[in-house]
C-alpha atoms as a PDB file:
ATOM      1  CA  MET A   1     -75.141 107.097  52.862  1.00  0.00           C
ATOM      2  CA  TYR A   2     -72.586 105.614  51.071  1.00  0.00           C
ATOM      3  CA  GLU A   3     -73.734 103.156  48.445  1.00  0.00           C
ATOM      4  CA  VAL A   4     -71.492 100.412  46.778  1.00  0.00           C
ATOM      5  CA  ASN A   5     -72.473  99.460  43.184  1.00  0.00           C
ATOM      6  CA  ILE A   6     -71.869  95.754  42.970  1.00  0.00           C
ATOM      7  CA  PRO A   7     -72.076  94.406  39.508  1.00  0.00           C
ATOM      8  CA  LYS A   8     -75.036  92.202  38.587  1.00  0.00           C
ATOM      9  CA  PHE A   9     -72.701  89.524  37.262  1.00  0.00           C
ATOM     10  CA  ILE A  10     -71.255  89.175  40.661  1.00  0.00           C
ATOM     11  CA  LYS A  11     -74.355  89.906  42.813  1.00  0.00           C
ATOM     12  CA  VAL A  12     -76.547  87.076  41.363  1.00  0.00           C
ATOM     13  CA  PRO A  13     -74.165  84.118  41.609  1.00  0.00           C
ATOM     14  CA  VAL A  14     -73.219  85.004  44.846  1.00  0.00           C
ATOM     15  CA  SER A  15     -77.054  85.172  45.788  1.00  0.00           C
ATOM     16  CA  VAL A  16     -77.861  81.914  44.359  1.00  0.00           C
ATOM     17  CA  ILE A  17     -74.826  80.274  46.127  1.00  0.00           C
ATOM     18  CA  SER A  18     -75.648  81.742  49.368  1.00  0.00           C
ATOM     19  CA  LEU A  19     -79.460  80.464  49.103  1.00  0.00           C
ATOM     20  CA  LEU A  20     -78.400  77.170  47.845  1.00  0.00           C
ATOM     21  CA  PHE A  21     -76.316  76.887  51.143  1.00  0.00           C
ATOM     22  CA  ILE A  22     -79.191  78.181  53.349  1.00  0.00           C
ATOM     23  CA  PHE A  23     -81.704  75.802  52.071  1.00  0.00           C
ATOM     24  CA  THR A  24     -79.469  72.540  51.788  1.00  0.00           C
ATOM     25  CA  ILE A  25     -77.282  72.261  54.831  1.00  0.00           C
ATOM     26  CA  PRO A  26     -79.882  72.029  57.380  1.00  0.00           C
ATOM     27  CA  TYR A  27     -81.536  68.944  55.811  1.00  0.00           C
ATOM     28  CA  PRO A  28     -78.694  66.513  56.213  1.00  0.00           C
ATOM     29  CA  ARG A  29     -78.377  67.671  59.847  1.00  0.00           C
ATOM     30  CA  VAL A  30     -81.739  66.582  60.492  1.00  0.00           C
ATOM     31  CA  TYR A  31     -81.188  63.331  58.595  1.00  0.00           C
ATOM     32  CA  MET A  32     -78.130  62.505  60.598  1.00  0.00           C
ATOM     33  CA  GLY A  33     -79.865  63.421  63.864  1.00  0.00           C
ATOM     34  CA  ALA A  34     -77.709  66.437  64.799  1.00  0.00           C
ATOM     35  CA  TYR A  35     -80.964  68.451  65.188  1.00  0.00           C
ATOM     36  CA  TRP A  36     -84.581  67.973  65.495  1.00  0.00           C
ATOM     37  CA  PHE A  37     -86.860  69.083  62.650  1.00  0.00           C
ATOM     38  CA  THR A  38     -88.730  71.443  64.798  1.00  0.00           C
ATOM     39  CA  ASP A  39     -85.274  73.272  65.485  1.00  0.00           C
ATOM     40  CA  VAL A  40     -84.549  73.616  62.133  1.00  0.00           C
ATOM     41  CA  ALA A  41     -88.004  74.969  61.152  1.00  0.00           C
ATOM     42  CA  ALA A  42     -87.706  77.469  64.103  1.00  0.00           C
ATOM     43  CA  GLY A  43     -84.596  78.527  62.848  1.00  0.00           C
ATOM     44  CA  PHE A  44     -86.077  79.389  59.218  1.00  0.00           C
ATOM     45  CA  CYS A  45     -88.696  81.320  61.080  1.00  0.00           C
ATOM     46  CA  TRP A  46     -86.412  83.272  63.436  1.00  0.00           C
ATOM     47  CA  SER A  47     -84.374  84.460  60.555  1.00  0.00           C
END
């Protein structure tokens, strides 16, 4: 297989920012009533 070596100084910030988005975006949607809490919890379990 072909393997790409991504430098750690790029991989760590991208991972942190991605996790920040994953865990912070659903909460305002629940607060504003766009989704039910159970829909967001199921989305976390599904992924």
